[in-house]
Amino acid sequence: MELEKLLKKRDEYAGKILPLGIKIAVVFMVPAAIGVTISKIWNINFLYLFPVAFILSWSGVIYLYRKISGEVRAVDARIKELRDQDSHHQTSVLTKGKDAN
């Protein structure tokens, strides 16, 4: 029962690709928009602010990746654990059945 829920939860991550793409686009746009705004207000060349926006954007993307990757790994580890328990349980049941003969 729990195994089925975990498999379904893991498969739901595939359906989250589009929203994740939108989040990543926002992560790239926000620092760039802030950089453009700062360059307009204080009359600073955007080329000086671009490296900061670039680093902030990629830091956000890496954070999102690690967060989702950690969640998927935890679900996969739990699925593996449940499958190992199930196979161990089935093996012990089969072994007991053979001993009875």
Protein backbone atom coordinates (compact mmCIF):
# COMPACT_ATOMS: atom_id res chain seq x y z
CA MET A 1 0.00 0.00 0.00
CA GLU A 2 2.70 2.47 1.00
CA LEU A 3 4.85 1.28 -1.90
CA GLU A 4 2.10 2.16 -4.38
CA LYS A 5 1.74 5.64 -2.87
CA LEU A 6 5.49 6.22 -3.08
CA LEU A 7 5.64 5.04 -6.69
CA LYS A 8 2.78 7.38 -7.54
CA LYS A 9 4.49 10.25 -5.71
CA ARG A 10 7.72 9.63 -7.61
CA ASP A 11 5.87 9.57 -10.92
CA GLU A 12 4.16 12.87 -10.06
CA TYR A 13 7.53 14.60 -10.30
CA ALA A 14 7.46 13.99 -14.06
CA GLY A 15 4.24 16.01 -14.21
CA LYS A 16 5.91 18.88 -12.37
CA ILE A 17 8.36 19.63 -15.17
CA LEU A 18 6.37 22.50 -16.67
CA PRO A 19 5.85 24.30 -13.35
CA LEU A 20 9.53 23.76 -12.57
CA GLY A 21 10.47 25.30 -15.92
CA ILE A 22 8.35 28.32 -15.07
CA LYS A 23 10.02 28.61 -11.64
CA ILE A 24 13.43 28.48 -13.29
CA ALA A 25 12.41 31.18 -15.77
CA VAL A 26 11.31 33.38 -12.85
CA VAL A 27 14.57 32.66 -11.03
CA PHE A 28 16.44 33.98 -14.07
CA MET A 29 14.15 36.95 -14.68
CA VAL A 30 14.02 38.37 -11.14
CA PRO A 31 17.78 39.10 -10.74
CA ALA A 32 17.94 40.40 -14.31
CA ALA A 33 14.96 42.69 -13.71
CA ILE A 34 16.47 43.94 -10.45
CA GLY A 35 19.77 44.57 -12.26
CA VAL A 36 18.04 46.52 -15.02
CA THR A 37 16.07 48.55 -12.46
CA ILE A 38 19.23 49.36 -10.48
CA SER A 39 21.06 50.32 -13.67
CA LYS A 40 18.21 52.69 -14.65
CA ILE A 41 17.83 54.27 -11.20
CA TRP A 42 21.52 54.80 -10.39
CA ASN A 43 22.69 55.10 -13.99
CA ILE A 44 25.06 52.13 -13.68
CA ASN A 45 26.03 50.17 -16.78
CA PHE A 46 24.16 46.83 -16.72
CA LEU A 47 27.33 45.02 -17.78
CA TYR A 48 28.68 45.62 -14.26
CA LEU A 49 25.53 44.15 -12.68
CA PHE A 50 25.17 41.22 -15.06
CA PRO A 51 27.70 38.94 -13.28
CA VAL A 52 25.84 39.41 -9.99
CA ALA A 53 22.49 38.64 -11.64
CA PHE A 54 24.05 35.61 -13.34
CA ILE A 55 25.45 34.22 -10.08
CA LEU A 56 22.18 34.81 -8.22
CA SER A 57 20.17 33.14 -10.97
CA TRP A 58 22.31 30.03 -11.11
CA SER A 59 22.44 29.84 -7.32
CA GLY A 60 18.64 29.76 -7.32
CA VAL A 61 18.53 27.07 -10.00
CA ILE A 62 21.06 24.93 -8.13
CA TYR A 63 19.04 25.35 -4.93
CA LEU A 64 15.84 24.21 -6.70
CA TYR A 65 17.66 21.26 -8.27
CA ARG A 66 19.13 20.09 -4.97
CA LYS A 67 15.80 20.46 -3.19
CA ILE A 68 13.87 18.41 -5.75
CA SER A 69 16.71 15.93 -6.20
CA GLY A 70 16.79 15.33 -2.45
CA GLU A 71 13.04 14.75 -2.36
CA VAL A 72 13.18 12.27 -5.24
CA ARG A 73 16.17 10.45 -3.73
CA ALA A 74 14.35 10.11 -0.41
CA VAL A 75 11.30 8.65 -2.15
CA ASP A 76 13.49 6.29 -4.21
CA ALA A 77 15.35 5.15 -1.10
CA ARG A 78 12.07 4.42 0.69
CA ILE A 79 10.77 2.52 -2.38
CA LYS A 80 13.96 0.43 -2.47
CA GLU A 81 13.69 -0.24 1.24
CA LEU A 82 10.07 -1.40 0.92
CA ARG A 83 10.88 -3.57 -2.11
CA ASP A 84 13.80 -5.15 -0.24
CA GLN A 85 11.56 -5.84 2.75
CA ASP A 86 8.91 -7.31 0.49
CA SER A 87 11.37 -9.55 -1.36
CA HIS A 88 12.93 -10.65 1.93
CA HIS A 89 9.47 -11.44 3.29
CA GLN A 90 8.56 -13.43 0.16
CA THR A 91 11.85 -15.33 0.31
CA SER A 92 11.32 -16.27 3.93
CA VAL A 93 7.77 -17.43 3.18
CA LEU A 94 9.00 -19.56 0.27
CA THR A 95 11.80 -20.98 2.41
CA LYS A 96 9.36 -21.93 5.17
CA GLY A 97 7.12 -23.61 2.60
CA LYS A 98 10.02 -25.72 1.31
CA ASP A 99 11.05 -26.74 4.84
CA ALA A 100 7.57 -28.09 5.51
CA ASN A 101 7.89 -30.62 2.68
